[in-house]
Amino acid sequence: MADVALGIPKSFKNEIRNMRIQLTSIKPLICRAVAATLILFLYACKKDQLIVDRDKHFISTDHKVDIINPFDGGWGLKLSSNGVAQLTPSGDIYYVGTYKISGKNITVKTDQQTFKFEILSETEIKEKKYGILMRLHN
């Protein structure tokens, strides 16, 4: 009755009450949306699987010496902590370039071409195009 004395009609009061009920039912949806966004954000910030804090030299594990071709020395990849890579793709000539680690992938860019590797563990990587398995050499 006091609301009518202030000039607020009952229908307006009912509309405000309905809006409060709707807002209360939206709160769980907003909380779920915020939680899902946070989970997606944290998942997108994936941790690199290989940290190069010192020089790391990977060599091919299944290389067989060929008597006919003495210059075929197998694959080798040296990653330096300053972002420089030295790549020997099955020979005695090596390419110098840069590398970038993103999650479980290593991309080596040289002037000649780009090579992609998959990080299998802290001690093993695999070249993606030819499937060359390489192991960390101390």
C-alpha atoms as a PDB file:
ATOM      1  CA  MET A   1       0.000   0.000   0.000  1.00  0.00           C
ATOM      2  CA  ALA A   2       2.933   2.299   0.709  1.00  0.00           C
ATOM      3  CA  ASP A   3       4.150   1.708  -2.863  1.00  0.00           C
ATOM      4  CA  VAL A   4       0.886   2.983  -4.268  1.00  0.00           C
ATOM      5  CA  ALA A   5       1.189   6.094  -2.069  1.00  0.00           C
ATOM      6  CA  LEU A   6       4.613   6.786  -3.652  1.00  0.00           C
ATOM      7  CA  GLY A   7       3.102   6.425  -7.081  1.00  0.00           C
ATOM      8  CA  ILE A   8       4.688   3.046  -8.000  1.00  0.00           C
ATOM      9  CA  PRO A   9       2.074   0.822  -9.603  1.00  0.00           C
ATOM     10  CA  LYS A  10       1.821  -2.822  -8.509  1.00  0.00           C
ATOM     11  CA  SER A  11       2.481  -4.067 -12.051  1.00  0.00           C
ATOM     12  CA  PHE A  12       5.880  -2.326 -12.076  1.00  0.00           C
ATOM     13  CA  LYS A  13       6.740  -3.920  -8.742  1.00  0.00           C
ATOM     14  CA  ASN A  14       5.867  -7.349 -10.196  1.00  0.00           C
ATOM     15  CA  GLU A  15       8.084  -6.671 -13.244  1.00  0.00           C
ATOM     16  CA  ILE A  16      11.031  -5.834 -10.977  1.00  0.00           C
ATOM     17  CA  ARG A  17      10.456  -9.047  -9.010  1.00  0.00           C
ATOM     18  CA  ASN A  18      10.370 -11.086 -12.267  1.00  0.00           C
ATOM     19  CA  MET A  19      13.610  -9.435 -13.430  1.00  0.00           C
ATOM     20  CA  ARG A  20      15.300 -10.413 -10.161  1.00  0.00           C
ATOM     21  CA  ILE A  21      14.169 -14.019 -10.623  1.00  0.00           C
ATOM     22  CA  GLN A  22      15.504 -14.055 -14.209  1.00  0.00           C
ATOM     23  CA  LEU A  23      18.824 -12.544 -13.102  1.00  0.00           C
ATOM     24  CA  THR A  24      19.152 -15.172 -10.374  1.00  0.00           C
ATOM     25  CA  SER A  25      18.618 -17.950 -12.927  1.00  0.00           C
ATOM     26  CA  ILE A  26      21.266 -16.422 -15.256  1.00  0.00           C
ATOM     27  CA  LYS A  27      23.999 -16.319 -12.574  1.00  0.00           C
ATOM     28  CA  PRO A  28      24.873 -20.053 -12.821  1.00  0.00           C
ATOM     29  CA  LEU A  29      25.153 -19.723 -16.611  1.00  0.00           C
ATOM     30  CA  ILE A  30      27.498 -16.768 -16.269  1.00  0.00           C
ATOM     31  CA  CYS A  31      29.627 -18.676 -13.740  1.00  0.00           C
ATOM     32  CA  ARG A  32      29.844 -21.674 -16.084  1.00  0.00           C
ATOM     33  CA  ALA A  33      30.801 -19.442 -19.012  1.00  0.00           C
ATOM     34  CA  VAL A  34      33.544 -17.752 -16.977  1.00  0.00           C
ATOM     35  CA  ALA A  35      34.865 -21.139 -15.799  1.00  0.00           C
ATOM     36  CA  ALA A  36      34.879 -22.550 -19.356  1.00  0.00           C
ATOM     37  CA  THR A  37      36.685 -19.468 -20.664  1.00  0.00           C
ATOM     38  CA  LEU A  38      39.302 -19.753 -17.928  1.00  0.00           C
ATOM     39  CA  ILE A  39      39.878 -23.455 -18.665  1.00  0.00           C
ATOM     40  CA  LEU A  40      40.250 -22.768 -22.403  1.00  0.00           C
ATOM     41  CA  PHE A  41      42.690 -19.941 -21.695  1.00  0.00           C
ATOM     42  CA  LEU A  42      44.840 -22.104 -19.437  1.00  0.00           C
ATOM     43  CA  TYR A  43      44.751 -24.965 -21.945  1.00  0.00           C
ATOM     44  CA  ALA A  44      45.848 -22.602 -24.734  1.00  0.00           C
ATOM     45  CA  CYS A  45      48.877 -21.566 -22.663  1.00  0.00           C
ATOM     46  CA  LYS A  46      50.468 -24.968 -23.110  1.00  0.00           C
ATOM     47  CA  LYS A  47      53.884 -25.556 -21.696  1.00  0.00           C
ATOM     48  CA  ASP A  48      56.782 -26.270 -24.025  1.00  0.00           C
ATOM     49  CA  GLN A  49      57.876 -29.892 -23.706  1.00  0.00           C
ATOM     50  CA  LEU A  50      61.552 -29.115 -24.249  1.00  0.00           C
ATOM     51  CA  ILE A  51      63.585 -26.416 -22.536  1.00  0.00           C
ATOM     52  CA  VAL A  52      66.934 -25.522 -24.080  1.00  0.00           C
ATOM     53  CA  ASP A  53      68.967 -24.077 -21.215  1.00  0.00           C
ATOM     54  CA  ARG A  54      72.248 -25.386 -22.675  1.00  0.00           C
ATOM     55  CA  ASP A  55      73.340 -26.725 -26.054  1.00  0.00           C
ATOM     56  CA  LYS A  56      71.463 -29.903 -26.965  1.00  0.00           C
ATOM     57  CA  HIS A  57      72.650 -32.172 -29.757  1.00  0.00           C
ATOM     58  CA  PHE A  58      70.257 -34.742 -31.231  1.00  0.00           C
ATOM     59  CA  ILE A  59      71.471 -37.457 -33.613  1.00  0.00           C
ATOM     60  CA  SER A  60      69.555 -40.017 -35.666  1.00  0.00           C
ATOM     61  CA  THR A  61      69.204 -43.376 -33.952  1.00  0.00           C
ATOM     62  CA  ASP A  62      68.606 -45.696 -36.880  1.00  0.00           C
ATOM     63  CA  HIS A  63      71.322 -44.504 -39.261  1.00  0.00           C
ATOM     64  CA  LYS A  64      73.182 -47.245 -41.098  1.00  0.00           C
ATOM     65  CA  VAL A  65      76.594 -46.518 -42.587  1.00  0.00           C
ATOM     66  CA  ASP A  66      76.627 -46.855 -46.375  1.00  0.00           C
ATOM     67  CA  ILE A  67      79.975 -47.945 -47.838  1.00  0.00           C
ATOM     68  CA  ILE A  68      79.030 -46.519 -51.247  1.00  0.00           C
ATOM     69  CA  ASN A  69      78.266 -43.070 -49.843  1.00  0.00           C
ATOM     70  CA  PRO A  70      80.838 -42.185 -47.153  1.00  0.00           C
ATOM     71  CA  PHE A  71      79.445 -38.634 -46.826  1.00  0.00           C
ATOM     72  CA  ASP A  72      76.104 -39.850 -45.474  1.00  0.00           C
ATOM     73  CA  GLY A  73      76.537 -39.212 -41.786  1.00  0.00           C
ATOM     74  CA  GLY A  74      72.931 -39.381 -40.665  1.00  0.00           C
ATOM     75  CA  TRP A  75      70.824 -36.564 -39.290  1.00  0.00           C
ATOM     76  CA  GLY A  76      71.992 -34.218 -36.560  1.00  0.00           C
ATOM     77  CA  LEU A  77      70.387 -31.226 -34.881  1.00  0.00           C
ATOM     78  CA  LYS A  78      72.101 -28.901 -32.428  1.00  0.00           C
ATOM     79  CA  LEU A  79      69.909 -26.455 -30.503  1.00  0.00           C
ATOM     80  CA  SER A  80      71.650 -23.613 -28.695  1.00  0.00           C
ATOM     81  CA  SER A  81      70.169 -21.679 -25.807  1.00  0.00           C
ATOM     82  CA  ASN A  82      70.345 -18.438 -27.854  1.00  0.00           C
ATOM     83  CA  GLY A  83      67.826 -19.717 -30.447  1.00  0.00           C
ATOM     84  CA  VAL A  84      70.355 -20.813 -33.081  1.00  0.00           C
ATOM     85  CA  ALA A  85      70.030 -24.239 -34.701  1.00  0.00           C
ATOM     86  CA  GLN A  86      72.551 -26.235 -36.700  1.00  0.00           C
ATOM     87  CA  LEU A  87      70.981 -28.976 -38.809  1.00  0.00           C
ATOM     88  CA  THR A  88      72.741 -31.761 -40.688  1.00  0.00           C
ATOM     89  CA  PRO A  89      70.161 -33.529 -42.872  1.00  0.00           C
ATOM     90  CA  SER A  90      71.905 -36.817 -43.678  1.00  0.00           C
ATOM     91  CA  GLY A  91      75.190 -35.540 -44.938  1.00  0.00           C
ATOM     92  CA  ASP A  92      78.345 -33.636 -44.197  1.00  0.00           C
ATOM     93  CA  ILE A  93      76.887 -30.187 -44.916  1.00  0.00           C
ATOM     94  CA  TYR A  94      74.956 -28.444 -42.179  1.00  0.00           C
ATOM     95  CA  TYR A  95      72.511 -25.565 -42.278  1.00  0.00           C
ATOM     96  CA  VAL A  96      72.475 -22.761 -39.734  1.00  0.00           C
ATOM     97  CA  GLY A  97      69.174 -21.176 -38.813  1.00  0.00           C
ATOM     98  CA  THR A  98      66.855 -20.443 -35.950  1.00  0.00           C
ATOM     99  CA  TYR A  99      64.403 -22.618 -34.081  1.00  0.00           C
ATOM    100  CA  LYS A 100      61.169 -22.098 -32.212  1.00  0.00           C
ATOM    101  CA  ILE A 101      59.587 -24.474 -29.724  1.00  0.00           C
ATOM    102  CA  SER A 102      55.813 -24.420 -29.396  1.00  0.00           C
ATOM    103  CA  GLY A 103      54.297 -27.081 -27.164  1.00  0.00           C
ATOM    104  CA  LYS A 104      55.455 -30.395 -28.593  1.00  0.00           C
ATOM    105  CA  ASN A 105      56.760 -28.986 -31.898  1.00  0.00           C
ATOM    106  CA  ILE A 106      60.135 -27.623 -32.971  1.00  0.00           C
ATOM    107  CA  THR A 107      60.348 -25.558 -36.160  1.00  0.00           C
ATOM    108  CA  VAL A 108      63.822 -25.012 -37.592  1.00  0.00           C
ATOM    109  CA  LYS A 109      64.075 -22.290 -40.246  1.00  0.00           C
ATOM    110  CA  THR A 110      67.152 -22.012 -42.422  1.00  0.00           C
ATOM    111  CA  ASP A 111      67.809 -20.046 -45.602  1.00  0.00           C
ATOM    112  CA  GLN A 112      67.303 -23.255 -47.580  1.00  0.00           C
ATOM    113  CA  GLN A 113      64.066 -24.581 -46.065  1.00  0.00           C
ATOM    114  CA  THR A 114      61.998 -25.170 -42.937  1.00  0.00           C
ATOM    115  CA  PHE A 115      62.126 -28.411 -40.969  1.00  0.00           C
ATOM    116  CA  LYS A 116      59.534 -29.546 -38.430  1.00  0.00           C
ATOM    117  CA  PHE A 117      60.133 -31.909 -35.541  1.00  0.00           C
ATOM    118  CA  GLU A 118      57.837 -33.472 -32.960  1.00  0.00           C
ATOM    119  CA  ILE A 119      59.056 -33.667 -29.369  1.00  0.00           C
ATOM    120  CA  LEU A 120      58.469 -37.203 -28.112  1.00  0.00           C
ATOM    121  CA  SER A 121      60.253 -36.721 -24.777  1.00  0.00           C
ATOM    122  CA  GLU A 122      63.042 -34.621 -23.282  1.00  0.00           C
ATOM    123  CA  THR A 123      65.558 -36.929 -24.982  1.00  0.00           C
ATOM    124  CA  GLU A 124      63.822 -37.870 -28.255  1.00  0.00           C
ATOM    125  CA  ILE A 125      62.481 -35.939 -31.235  1.00  0.00           C
ATOM    126  CA  LYS A 126      61.134 -37.048 -34.606  1.00  0.00           C
ATOM    127  CA  GLU A 127      61.480 -35.236 -37.925  1.00  0.00           C
ATOM    128  CA  LYS A 128      57.959 -34.989 -39.341  1.00  0.00           C
ATOM    129  CA  LYS A 129      58.498 -35.219 -43.117  1.00  0.00           C
ATOM    130  CA  TYR A 130      60.856 -38.207 -43.247  1.00  0.00           C
ATOM    131  CA  GLY A 131      60.126 -39.761 -39.843  1.00  0.00           C
ATOM    132  CA  ILE A 132      63.756 -39.655 -38.667  1.00  0.00           C
ATOM    133  CA  LEU A 133      63.966 -40.540 -34.963  1.00  0.00           C
ATOM    134  CA  MET A 134      66.654 -38.582 -33.138  1.00  0.00           C
ATOM    135  CA  ARG A 135      67.974 -38.997 -29.610  1.00  0.00           C
ATOM    136  CA  LEU A 136      69.777 -36.544 -27.336  1.00  0.00           C
ATOM    137  CA  HIS A 137      73.523 -37.106 -27.388  1.00  0.00           C
ATOM    138  CA  ASN A 138      75.534 -35.956 -24.352  1.00  0.00           C
END
